[in-house]
Amino acid sequence: ERIIDQISLTAQQRYIKLIETHPGIVQNVPIKLIA
C-alpha cells in the first residue's frame, strides 16, 4: 500500500492520508522525519 501511495498519490494526498490514519505520528514526530 505504501509503494502504491508513493506512485499514485500527490504529496498533499499522502500527508492527508497520514493525518487520517496515524494522527499521533503527525503530532509527535518532527516534520523533517515526516517529510
PDB file of all heavy atoms in Angstrom:
ATOM      1  N   GLU A   1       0.829  -1.205   0.000  1.00  0.00           N
ATOM      2  CA  GLU A   1       0.000   0.000   0.000  1.00  0.00           C
ATOM      3  C   GLU A   1       0.864   1.256   0.000  1.00  0.00           C
ATOM      4  O   GLU A   1       0.575   2.224  -0.698  1.00  0.00           O
ATOM      5  CB  GLU A   1      -0.912  -0.010   1.226  1.00  0.00           C
ATOM      6  CG  GLU A   1      -1.889   1.164   1.255  1.00  0.00           C
ATOM      7  CD  GLU A   1      -2.852   1.086   2.425  1.00  0.00           C
ATOM      8  OE1 GLU A   1      -3.069  -0.033   2.942  1.00  0.00           O
ATOM      9  OE2 GLU A   1      -3.375   2.134   2.840  1.00  0.00           O
ATOM     10  N   ARG A   2       1.952   1.213   0.756  1.00  0.00           N
ATOM     11  CA  ARG A   2       2.850   2.379   0.801  1.00  0.00           C
ATOM     12  C   ARG A   2       3.499   2.624  -0.557  1.00  0.00           C
ATOM     13  O   ARG A   2       3.613   3.759  -1.003  1.00  0.00           O
ATOM     14  CB  ARG A   2       3.908   2.160   1.885  1.00  0.00           C
ATOM     15  CG  ARG A   2       4.952   3.264   1.944  1.00  0.00           C
ATOM     16  CD  ARG A   2       5.637   3.300   3.290  1.00  0.00           C
ATOM     17  NE  ARG A   2       6.933   3.963   3.237  1.00  0.00           N
ATOM     18  CZ  ARG A   2       7.120   5.253   3.050  1.00  0.00           C
ATOM     19  NH1 ARG A   2       6.075   6.047   2.852  1.00  0.00           N
ATOM     20  NH2 ARG A   2       8.318   5.780   3.017  1.00  0.00           N
ATOM     21  N   ILE A   3       3.912   1.558  -1.241  1.00  0.00           N
ATOM     22  CA  ILE A   3       4.519   1.702  -2.567  1.00  0.00           C
ATOM     23  C   ILE A   3       3.504   2.293  -3.548  1.00  0.00           C
ATOM     24  O   ILE A   3       3.822   3.212  -4.315  1.00  0.00           O
ATOM     25  CB  ILE A   3       5.030   0.335  -3.086  1.00  0.00           C
ATOM     26  CG1 ILE A   3       6.217  -0.140  -2.245  1.00  0.00           C
ATOM     27  CG2 ILE A   3       5.424   0.431  -4.558  1.00  0.00           C
ATOM     28  CD1 ILE A   3       6.628  -1.568  -2.528  1.00  0.00           C
ATOM     29  N   ILE A   4       2.284   1.785  -3.505  1.00  0.00           N
ATOM     30  CA  ILE A   4       1.235   2.287  -4.399  1.00  0.00           C
ATOM     31  C   ILE A   4       0.937   3.758  -4.106  1.00  0.00           C
ATOM     32  O   ILE A   4       0.774   4.570  -5.028  1.00  0.00           O
ATOM     33  CB  ILE A   4      -0.042   1.439  -4.264  1.00  0.00           C
ATOM     34  CG1 ILE A   4       0.208   0.027  -4.800  1.00  0.00           C
ATOM     35  CG2 ILE A   4      -1.217   2.088  -5.005  1.00  0.00           C
ATOM     36  CD1 ILE A   4      -0.915  -0.954  -4.518  1.00  0.00           C
ATOM     37  N   ASP A   5       0.877   4.117  -2.828  1.00  0.00           N
ATOM     38  CA  ASP A   5       0.612   5.514  -2.452  1.00  0.00           C
ATOM     39  C   ASP A   5       1.706   6.445  -2.968  1.00  0.00           C
ATOM     40  O   ASP A   5       1.418   7.552  -3.439  1.00  0.00           O
ATOM     41  CB  ASP A   5       0.512   5.645  -0.929  1.00  0.00           C
ATOM     42  CG  ASP A   5      -0.788   5.084  -0.377  1.00  0.00           C
ATOM     43  OD1 ASP A   5      -1.685   4.762  -1.183  1.00  0.00           O
ATOM     44  OD2 ASP A   5      -0.900   4.961   0.858  1.00  0.00           O
ATOM     45  N   GLN A   6       2.964   5.996  -2.889  1.00  0.00           N
ATOM     46  CA  GLN A   6       4.078   6.829  -3.350  1.00  0.00           C
ATOM     47  C   GLN A   6       3.985   7.095  -4.848  1.00  0.00           C
ATOM     48  O   GLN A   6       4.388   8.152  -5.336  1.00  0.00           O
ATOM     49  CB  GLN A   6       5.418   6.149  -3.027  1.00  0.00           C
ATOM     50  CG  GLN A   6       5.778   6.126  -1.556  1.00  0.00           C
ATOM     51  CD  GLN A   6       6.052   7.505  -0.995  1.00  0.00           C
ATOM     52  OE1 GLN A   6       5.300   8.014  -0.166  1.00  0.00           O
ATOM     53  NE2 GLN A   6       7.120   8.131  -1.426  1.00  0.00           N
ATOM     54  N   ILE A   7       3.412   6.141  -5.574  1.00  0.00           N
ATOM     55  CA  ILE A   7       3.310   6.269  -7.037  1.00  0.00           C
ATOM     56  C   ILE A   7       2.056   7.029  -7.446  1.00  0.00           C
ATOM     57  O   ILE A   7       2.083   7.848  -8.375  1.00  0.00           O
ATOM     58  CB  ILE A   7       3.311   4.870  -7.696  1.00  0.00           C
ATOM     59  CG1 ILE A   7       4.633   4.158  -7.434  1.00  0.00           C
ATOM     60  CG2 ILE A   7       3.042   4.974  -9.195  1.00  0.00           C
ATOM     61  CD1 ILE A   7       4.632   2.698  -7.851  1.00  0.00           C
ATOM     62  N   SER A   8       0.950   6.750  -6.769  1.00  0.00           N
ATOM     63  CA  SER A   8      -0.348   7.215  -7.259  1.00  0.00           C
ATOM     64  C   SER A   8      -0.885   8.471  -6.576  1.00  0.00           C
ATOM     65  O   SER A   8      -1.756   9.151  -7.139  1.00  0.00           O
ATOM     66  CB  SER A   8      -1.385   6.096  -7.110  1.00  0.00           C
ATOM     67  OG  SER A   8      -1.554   5.753  -5.741  1.00  0.00           O
ATOM     68  N   LEU A   9      -0.399   8.810  -5.388  1.00  0.00           N
ATOM     69  CA  LEU A   9      -0.918   9.968  -4.659  1.00  0.00           C
ATOM     70  C   LEU A   9       0.049  11.142  -4.726  1.00  0.00           C
ATOM     71  O   LEU A   9       1.268  10.950  -4.803  1.00  0.00           O
ATOM     72  CB  LEU A   9      -1.167   9.609  -3.185  1.00  0.00           C
ATOM     73  CG  LEU A   9      -2.157   8.479  -2.878  1.00  0.00           C
ATOM     74  CD1 LEU A   9      -2.296   8.315  -1.366  1.00  0.00           C
ATOM     75  CD2 LEU A   9      -3.509   8.735  -3.521  1.00  0.00           C
ATOM     76  N   THR A  10      -0.495  12.344  -4.676  1.00  0.00           N
ATOM     77  CA  THR A  10       0.349  13.522  -4.577  1.00  0.00           C
ATOM     78  C   THR A  10       0.902  13.608  -3.153  1.00  0.00           C
ATOM     79  O   THR A  10       0.410  12.939  -2.236  1.00  0.00           O
ATOM     80  CB  THR A  10      -0.443  14.802  -4.872  1.00  0.00           C
ATOM     81  OG1 THR A  10      -1.445  14.974  -3.842  1.00  0.00           O
ATOM     82  CG2 THR A  10      -1.110  14.732  -6.234  1.00  0.00           C
ATOM     83  N   ALA A  11       1.905  14.459  -2.965  1.00  0.00           N
ATOM     84  CA  ALA A  11       2.483  14.637  -1.633  1.00  0.00           C
ATOM     85  C   ALA A  11       1.426  15.110  -0.642  1.00  0.00           C
ATOM     86  O   ALA A  11       1.378  14.652   0.507  1.00  0.00           O
ATOM     87  CB  ALA A  11       3.633  15.645  -1.695  1.00  0.00           C
ATOM     88  N   GLN A  12       0.559  16.020  -1.098  1.00  0.00           N
ATOM     89  CA  GLN A  12      -0.504  16.513  -0.219  1.00  0.00           C
ATOM     90  C   GLN A  12      -1.465  15.383   0.154  1.00  0.00           C
ATOM     91  O   GLN A  12      -1.873  15.267   1.319  1.00  0.00           O
ATOM     92  CB  GLN A  12      -1.268  17.659  -0.881  1.00  0.00           C
ATOM     93  CG  GLN A  12      -2.392  18.222  -0.005  1.00  0.00           C
ATOM     94  CD  GLN A  12      -2.966  19.507  -0.555  1.00  0.00           C
ATOM     95  OE1 GLN A  12      -2.227  20.436  -0.881  1.00  0.00           O
ATOM     96  NE2 GLN A  12      -4.286  19.582  -0.669  1.00  0.00           N
ATOM     97  N   GLN A  13      -1.810  14.553  -0.808  1.00  0.00           N
ATOM     98  CA  GLN A  13      -2.711  13.430  -0.527  1.00  0.00           C
ATOM     99  C   GLN A  13      -2.063  12.432   0.441  1.00  0.00           C
ATOM    100  O   GLN A  13      -2.736  11.887   1.319  1.00  0.00           O
ATOM    101  CB  GLN A  13      -3.091  12.736  -1.835  1.00  0.00           C
ATOM    102  CG  GLN A  13      -4.028  13.544  -2.706  1.00  0.00           C
ATOM    103  CD  GLN A  13      -4.216  12.940  -4.087  1.00  0.00           C
ATOM    104  OE1 GLN A  13      -3.332  12.247  -4.619  1.00  0.00           O
ATOM    105  NE2 GLN A  13      -5.369  13.186  -4.693  1.00  0.00           N
ATOM    106  N   ARG A  14      -0.760  12.217   0.278  1.00  0.00           N
ATOM    107  CA  ARG A  14      -0.063  11.297   1.180  1.00  0.00           C
ATOM    108  C   ARG A  14      -0.050  11.852   2.602  1.00  0.00           C
ATOM    109  O   ARG A  14      -0.225  11.098   3.569  1.00  0.00           O
ATOM    110  CB  ARG A  14       1.369  11.039   0.691  1.00  0.00           C
ATOM    111  CG  ARG A  14       1.443  10.261  -0.610  1.00  0.00           C
ATOM    112  CD  ARG A  14       2.826   9.693  -0.872  1.00  0.00           C
ATOM    113  NE  ARG A  14       3.851  10.697  -1.056  1.00  0.00           N
ATOM    114  CZ  ARG A  14       4.139  11.276  -2.233  1.00  0.00           C
ATOM    115  NH1 ARG A  14       3.448  10.947  -3.323  1.00  0.00           N
ATOM    116  NH2 ARG A  14       5.105  12.168  -2.319  1.00  0.00           N
ATOM    117  N   TYR A  15       0.136  13.147   2.721  1.00  0.00           N
ATOM    118  CA  TYR A  15       0.157  13.757   4.049  1.00  0.00           C
ATOM    119  C   TYR A  15      -1.228  13.720   4.691  1.00  0.00           C
ATOM    120  O   TYR A  15      -1.359  13.398   5.882  1.00  0.00           O
ATOM    121  CB  TYR A  15       0.657  15.198   3.962  1.00  0.00           C
ATOM    122  CG  TYR A  15       0.744  15.876   5.314  1.00  0.00           C
ATOM    123  CD1 TYR A  15       1.637  15.426   6.285  1.00  0.00           C
ATOM    124  CD2 TYR A  15      -0.076  16.957   5.616  1.00  0.00           C
ATOM    125  CE1 TYR A  15       1.706  16.036   7.528  1.00  0.00           C
ATOM    126  CE2 TYR A  15       0.005  17.572   6.864  1.00  0.00           C
ATOM    127  CZ  TYR A  15       0.894  17.110   7.813  1.00  0.00           C
ATOM    128  OH  TYR A  15       0.959  17.711   9.044  1.00  0.00           O
ATOM    129  N   ILE A  16      -2.256  14.023   3.918  1.00  0.00           N
ATOM    130  CA  ILE A  16      -3.626  13.975   4.441  1.00  0.00           C
ATOM    131  C   ILE A  16      -3.972  12.554   4.882  1.00  0.00           C
ATOM    132  O   ILE A  16      -4.595  12.348   5.937  1.00  0.00           O
ATOM    133  CB  ILE A  16      -4.626  14.487   3.386  1.00  0.00           C
ATOM    134  CG1 ILE A  16      -4.443  16.002   3.192  1.00  0.00           C
ATOM    135  CG2 ILE A  16      -6.056  14.184   3.804  1.00  0.00           C
ATOM    136  CD1 ILE A  16      -5.263  16.577   2.054  1.00  0.00           C
ATOM    137  N   LYS A  17      -3.551  11.565   4.112  1.00  0.00           N
ATOM    138  CA  LYS A  17      -3.808  10.169   4.486  1.00  0.00           C
ATOM    139  C   LYS A  17      -3.103   9.830   5.791  1.00  0.00           C
ATOM    140  O   LYS A  17      -3.659   9.118   6.646  1.00  0.00           O
ATOM    141  CB  LYS A  17      -3.345   9.230   3.372  1.00  0.00           C
ATOM    142  CG  LYS A  17      -3.661   7.777   3.660  1.00  0.00           C
ATOM    143  CD  LYS A  17      -3.349   6.886   2.478  1.00  0.00           C
ATOM    144  CE  LYS A  17      -3.699   5.431   2.794  1.00  0.00           C
ATOM    145  NZ  LYS A  17      -3.456   4.531   1.643  1.00  0.00           N
ATOM    146  N   LEU A  18      -1.884  10.346   5.969  1.00  0.00           N
ATOM    147  CA  LEU A  18      -1.146  10.120   7.217  1.00  0.00           C
ATOM    148  C   LEU A  18      -1.886  10.738   8.400  1.00  0.00           C
ATOM    149  O   LEU A  18      -1.975  10.126   9.470  1.00  0.00           O
ATOM    150  CB  LEU A  18       0.266  10.700   7.111  1.00  0.00           C
ATOM    151  CG  LEU A  18       1.199  10.420   8.294  1.00  0.00           C
ATOM    152  CD1 LEU A  18       1.477   8.917   8.417  1.00  0.00           C
ATOM    153  CD2 LEU A  18       2.508  11.191   8.141  1.00  0.00           C
ATOM    154  N   ILE A  19      -2.426  11.937   8.211  1.00  0.00           N
ATOM    155  CA  ILE A  19      -3.208  12.593   9.258  1.00  0.00           C
ATOM    156  C   ILE A  19      -4.411  11.733   9.638  1.00  0.00           C
ATOM    157  O   ILE A  19      -4.731  11.571  10.818  1.00  0.00           O
ATOM    158  CB  ILE A  19      -3.685  13.983   8.804  1.00  0.00           C
ATOM    159  CG1 ILE A  19      -2.486  14.933   8.623  1.00  0.00           C
ATOM    160  CG2 ILE A  19      -4.667  14.586   9.812  1.00  0.00           C
ATOM    161  CD1 ILE A  19      -2.871  16.267   8.003  1.00  0.00           C
ATOM    162  N   GLU A  20      -5.063  11.177   8.612  1.00  0.00           N
ATOM    163  CA  GLU A  20      -6.286  10.400   8.847  1.00  0.00           C
ATOM    164  C   GLU A  20      -6.008   9.046   9.487  1.00  0.00           C
ATOM    165  O   GLU A  20      -6.782   8.576  10.326  1.00  0.00           O
ATOM    166  CB  GLU A  20      -7.027  10.211   7.522  1.00  0.00           C
ATOM    167  CG  GLU A  20      -7.571  11.514   6.939  1.00  0.00           C
ATOM    168  CD  GLU A  20      -8.127  11.341   5.536  1.00  0.00           C
ATOM    169  OE1 GLU A  20      -7.839  10.303   4.900  1.00  0.00           O
ATOM    170  OE2 GLU A  20      -8.836  12.254   5.071  1.00  0.00           O
ATOM    171  N   THR A  21      -4.911   8.411   9.090  1.00  0.00           N
ATOM    172  CA  THR A  21      -4.634   7.050   9.564  1.00  0.00           C
ATOM    173  C   THR A  21      -3.742   7.012  10.796  1.00  0.00           C
ATOM    174  O   THR A  21      -3.862   6.102  11.621  1.00  0.00           O
ATOM    175  CB  THR A  21      -3.993   6.202   8.452  1.00  0.00           C
ATOM    176  OG1 THR A  21      -2.789   6.853   7.995  1.00  0.00           O
ATOM    177  CG2 THR A  21      -4.957   6.036   7.284  1.00  0.00           C
ATOM    178  N   HIS A  22      -2.838   7.986  10.912  1.00  0.00           N
ATOM    179  CA  HIS A  22      -1.899   7.990  12.044  1.00  0.00           C
ATOM    180  C   HIS A  22      -1.729   9.409  12.600  1.00  0.00           C
ATOM    181  O   HIS A  22      -0.648  10.001  12.504  1.00  0.00           O
ATOM    182  CB  HIS A  22      -0.538   7.442  11.614  1.00  0.00           C
ATOM    183  CG  HIS A  22      -0.569   6.007  11.189  1.00  0.00           C
ATOM    184  ND1 HIS A  22      -0.773   4.963  12.070  1.00  0.00           N
ATOM    185  CD2 HIS A  22      -0.441   5.441   9.962  1.00  0.00           C
ATOM    186  CE1 HIS A  22      -0.751   3.819  11.416  1.00  0.00           C
ATOM    187  NE2 HIS A  22      -0.559   4.084  10.131  1.00  0.00           N
ATOM    188  N   PRO A  23      -2.782   9.982  13.166  1.00  0.00           N
ATOM    189  CA  PRO A  23      -2.676  11.353  13.690  1.00  0.00           C
ATOM    190  C   PRO A  23      -1.606  11.506  14.760  1.00  0.00           C
ATOM    191  O   PRO A  23      -0.995  12.568  14.895  1.00  0.00           O
ATOM    192  CB  PRO A  23      -4.076  11.614  14.259  1.00  0.00           C
ATOM    193  CG  PRO A  23      -4.674  10.262  14.479  1.00  0.00           C
ATOM    194  CD  PRO A  23      -4.117   9.398  13.396  1.00  0.00           C
ATOM    195  N   GLY A  24      -1.341  10.436  15.513  1.00  0.00           N
ATOM    196  CA  GLY A  24      -0.313  10.503  16.551  1.00  0.00           C
ATOM    197  C   GLY A  24       1.067  10.758  15.988  1.00  0.00           C
ATOM    198  O   GLY A  24       1.886  11.455  16.607  1.00  0.00           O
ATOM    199  N   ILE A  25       1.347  10.214  14.796  1.00  0.00           N
ATOM    200  CA  ILE A  25       2.639  10.452  14.158  1.00  0.00           C
ATOM    201  C   ILE A  25       2.786  11.919  13.801  1.00  0.00           C
ATOM    202  O   ILE A  25       3.825  12.537  14.055  1.00  0.00           O
ATOM    203  CB  ILE A  25       2.794   9.560  12.908  1.00  0.00           C
ATOM    204  CG1 ILE A  25       3.000   8.106  13.327  1.00  0.00           C
ATOM    205  CG2 ILE A  25       3.950  10.036  12.025  1.00  0.00           C
ATOM    206  CD1 ILE A  25       3.114   7.132  12.174  1.00  0.00           C
ATOM    207  N   VAL A  26       1.738  12.490  13.242  1.00  0.00           N
ATOM    208  CA  VAL A  26       1.779  13.907  12.853  1.00  0.00           C
ATOM    209  C   VAL A  26       1.987  14.800  14.071  1.00  0.00           C
ATOM    210  O   VAL A  26       2.678  15.817  13.998  1.00  0.00           O
ATOM    211  CB  VAL A  26       0.471  14.286  12.119  1.00  0.00           C
ATOM    212  CG1 VAL A  26       0.453  15.775  11.788  1.00  0.00           C
ATOM    213  CG2 VAL A  26       0.321  13.458  10.845  1.00  0.00           C
ATOM    214  N   GLN A  27       1.427  14.407  15.205  1.00  0.00           N
ATOM    215  CA  GLN A  27       1.505  15.214  16.423  1.00  0.00           C
ATOM    216  C   GLN A  27       2.809  15.021  17.206  1.00  0.00           C
ATOM    217  O   GLN A  27       3.202  15.903  17.961  1.00  0.00           O
ATOM    218  CB  GLN A  27       0.324  14.882  17.332  1.00  0.00           C
ATOM    219  CG  GLN A  27      -1.032  15.251  16.744  1.00  0.00           C
ATOM    220  CD  GLN A  27      -2.180  14.555  17.432  1.00  0.00           C
ATOM    221  OE1 GLN A  27      -2.008  13.889  18.456  1.00  0.00           O
ATOM    222  NE2 GLN A  27      -3.380  14.689  16.867  1.00  0.00           N
ATOM    223  N   ASN A  28       3.490  13.886  17.003  1.00  0.00           N
ATOM    224  CA  ASN A  28       4.627  13.561  17.869  1.00  0.00           C
ATOM    225  C   ASN A  28       5.967  13.388  17.159  1.00  0.00           C
ATOM    226  O   ASN A  28       6.989  13.236  17.835  1.00  0.00           O
ATOM    227  CB  ASN A  28       4.325  12.270  18.642  1.00  0.00           C
ATOM    228  CG  ASN A  28       3.227  12.442  19.660  1.00  0.00           C
ATOM    229  OD1 ASN A  28       3.454  12.920  20.774  1.00  0.00           O
ATOM    230  ND2 ASN A  28       2.006  12.056  19.286  1.00  0.00           N
ATOM    231  N   VAL A  29       5.963  13.403  15.847  1.00  0.00           N
ATOM    232  CA  VAL A  29       7.193  13.173  15.085  1.00  0.00           C
ATOM    233  C   VAL A  29       7.631  14.463  14.407  1.00  0.00           C
ATOM    234  O   VAL A  29       6.798  15.167  13.829  1.00  0.00           O
ATOM    235  CB  VAL A  29       6.967  12.054  14.040  1.00  0.00           C
ATOM    236  CG1 VAL A  29       8.181  11.902  13.142  1.00  0.00           C
ATOM    237  CG2 VAL A  29       6.642  10.735  14.742  1.00  0.00           C
ATOM    238  N   PRO A  30       8.931  14.811  14.458  1.00  0.00           N
ATOM    239  CA  PRO A  30       9.417  16.043  13.821  1.00  0.00           C
ATOM    240  C   PRO A  30       9.072  16.098  12.335  1.00  0.00           C
ATOM    241  O   PRO A  30       9.066  15.069  11.643  1.00  0.00           O
ATOM    242  CB  PRO A  30      10.934  15.975  14.031  1.00  0.00           C
ATOM    243  CG  PRO A  30      11.106  15.136  15.263  1.00  0.00           C
ATOM    244  CD  PRO A  30      10.003  14.119  15.198  1.00  0.00           C
ATOM    245  N   ILE A  31       8.794  17.300  11.863  1.00  0.00           N
ATOM    246  CA  ILE A  31       8.357  17.497  10.478  1.00  0.00           C
ATOM    247  C   ILE A  31       9.400  16.992   9.480  1.00  0.00           C
ATOM    248  O   ILE A  31       9.058  16.476   8.414  1.00  0.00           O
ATOM    249  CB  ILE A  31       8.027  18.994  10.223  1.00  0.00           C
ATOM    250  CG1 ILE A  31       7.416  19.169   8.828  1.00  0.00           C
ATOM    251  CG2 ILE A  31       9.240  19.870  10.405  1.00  0.00           C
ATOM    252  CD1 ILE A  31       6.887  20.578   8.579  1.00  0.00           C
ATOM    253  N   LYS A  32      10.684  17.100   9.815  1.00  0.00           N
ATOM    254  CA  LYS A  32      11.744  16.644   8.913  1.00  0.00           C
ATOM    255  C   LYS A  32      11.621  15.143   8.642  1.00  0.00           C
ATOM    256  O   LYS A  32      11.811  14.684   7.508  1.00  0.00           O
ATOM    257  CB  LYS A  32      13.114  16.955   9.517  1.00  0.00           C
ATOM    258  CG  LYS A  32      14.289  16.562   8.639  1.00  0.00           C
ATOM    259  CD  LYS A  32      15.610  16.941   9.286  1.00  0.00           C
ATOM    260  CE  LYS A  32      16.784  16.533   8.405  1.00  0.00           C
ATOM    261  NZ  LYS A  32      18.091  16.875   9.026  1.00  0.00           N
ATOM    262  N   LEU A  33      11.279  14.385   9.671  1.00  0.00           N
ATOM    263  CA  LEU A  33      11.143  12.933   9.513  1.00  0.00           C
ATOM    264  C   LEU A  33       9.877  12.582   8.748  1.00  0.00           C
ATOM    265  O   LEU A  33       9.873  11.674   7.918  1.00  0.00           O
ATOM    266  CB  LEU A  33      11.147  12.254  10.882  1.00  0.00           C
ATOM    267  CG  LEU A  33      12.377  12.481  11.756  1.00  0.00           C
ATOM    268  CD1 LEU A  33      12.262  11.698  13.066  1.00  0.00           C
ATOM    269  CD2 LEU A  33      13.652  12.095  11.018  1.00  0.00           C
ATOM    270  N   ILE A  34       8.794  13.310   9.026  1.00  0.00           N
ATOM    271  CA  ILE A  34       7.539  13.071   8.305  1.00  0.00           C
ATOM    272  C   ILE A  34       7.725  13.378   6.824  1.00  0.00           C
ATOM    273  O   ILE A  34       7.245  12.645   5.955  1.00  0.00           O
ATOM    274  CB  ILE A  34       6.407  13.921   8.896  1.00  0.00           C
ATOM    275  CG1 ILE A  34       6.094  13.466  10.328  1.00  0.00           C
ATOM    276  CG2 ILE A  34       5.150  13.837   8.029  1.00  0.00           C
ATOM    277  CD1 ILE A  34       5.089  14.334  11.049  1.00  0.00           C
ATOM    278  N   ALA A  35       8.437  14.469   6.533  1.00  0.00           N
ATOM    279  CA  ALA A  35       8.686  14.845   5.131  1.00  0.00           C
ATOM    280  C   ALA A  35       9.428  13.732   4.398  1.00  0.00           C
ATOM    281  O   ALA A  35       9.061  13.351   3.279  1.00  0.00           O
ATOM    282  CB  ALA A  35       9.486  16.150   5.086  1.00  0.00           C
TER     283      ALA A  35
END
